């Protein structure tokens, strides 16, 4: 699955990820039905900001070898 970030003038593919449809938690925290667990397997633009930044993850380069929801 591709992670696309919408910019001012274009939509850009910034990473590829694997979706875990059967998972219902991330780090033992349950999440809502409209959220999926994803691991990033290939990064194309490491400086792109993730769609929903947190205090720990703001950029695509920070999600390598971890899960995001």
Protein backbone atom coordinates (compact mmCIF):
# COMPACT_ATOMS: atom_id res chain seq x y z
CA UNK A 1 0.00 0.00 0.00
CA UNK A 2 1.31 3.46 -0.84
CA UNK A 3 1.50 6.41 1.53
CA UNK A 4 0.70 9.57 -0.41
CA UNK A 5 1.15 13.07 0.98
CA UNK A 6 -0.85 15.92 -0.51
CA UNK A 7 1.20 19.07 -0.99
CA UNK A 8 0.36 22.55 -2.23
CA UNK A 9 0.78 21.65 -5.89
CA UNK A 10 0.92 17.84 -6.07
CA UNK A 11 0.27 14.49 -4.43
CA UNK A 12 3.47 12.53 -3.83
CA UNK A 13 4.15 8.86 -3.08
CA UNK A 14 6.51 8.99 -0.08
CA UNK A 15 6.58 5.38 1.15
CA UNK A 16 5.27 1.86 0.72
CA UNK A 17 3.87 -0.10 3.62
CA UNK A 18 2.37 -3.40 4.65
CA UNK A 19 -1.16 -3.32 6.11
CA UNK A 20 -2.08 -5.68 8.96
CA UNK A 21 -5.86 -6.02 8.66
CA UNK A 22 -6.29 -8.56 11.45
CA UNK A 23 -4.42 -6.56 14.10
CA UNK A 24 -6.43 -4.50 16.57
CA UNK A 25 -3.69 -2.95 18.73
CA UNK A 26 -0.50 -0.98 18.31
CA UNK A 27 1.90 -1.44 21.22
CA UNK A 28 -0.96 -3.02 23.23
CA UNK A 29 -3.22 0.00 22.73
CA UNK A 30 -6.56 -0.81 21.05
CA UNK A 31 -7.63 1.45 18.23
CA UNK A 32 -10.88 2.34 16.48
CA UNK A 33 -12.42 0.37 13.61
CA UNK A 34 -11.42 2.98 11.00
CA UNK A 35 -7.68 2.69 11.83
CA UNK A 36 -5.29 0.10 10.38
CA UNK A 37 -1.85 -1.01 11.55
CA UNK A 38 0.88 -0.36 8.97
CA UNK A 39 4.61 -1.02 8.82
CA UNK A 40 6.72 0.98 6.38
CA UNK A 41 8.83 -1.24 4.13
CA UNK A 42 10.21 1.26 1.58
CA UNK A 43 10.80 5.00 1.94
CA UNK A 44 11.07 7.29 -1.10
CA UNK A 45 10.98 10.73 0.54
CA UNK A 46 12.28 10.57 4.10
CA UNK A 47 11.71 14.28 4.82
CA UNK A 48 7.98 14.13 4.08
CA UNK A 49 5.75 14.85 7.08
CA UNK A 50 3.42 12.01 8.12
CA UNK A 51 -0.32 12.78 7.77
CA UNK A 52 -0.96 12.61 11.53
CA UNK A 53 2.23 13.60 13.38
CA UNK A 54 2.73 12.78 17.05
CA UNK A 55 5.31 13.89 19.61
CA UNK A 56 7.44 10.87 18.61
CA UNK A 57 6.88 10.70 14.83
CA UNK A 58 6.71 13.71 12.52
CA UNK A 59 8.57 12.54 9.38
CA UNK A 60 8.52 9.40 7.25
CA UNK A 61 12.17 8.66 8.12
CA UNK A 62 11.09 8.11 11.75
CA UNK A 63 8.68 5.26 10.97
CA UNK A 64 11.18 2.81 9.48
CA UNK A 65 11.14 -0.46 11.48
CA UNK A 66 8.10 0.50 13.52
CA UNK A 67 4.31 0.51 13.24
CA UNK A 68 1.97 3.43 12.69
CA UNK A 69 -1.82 3.61 12.79
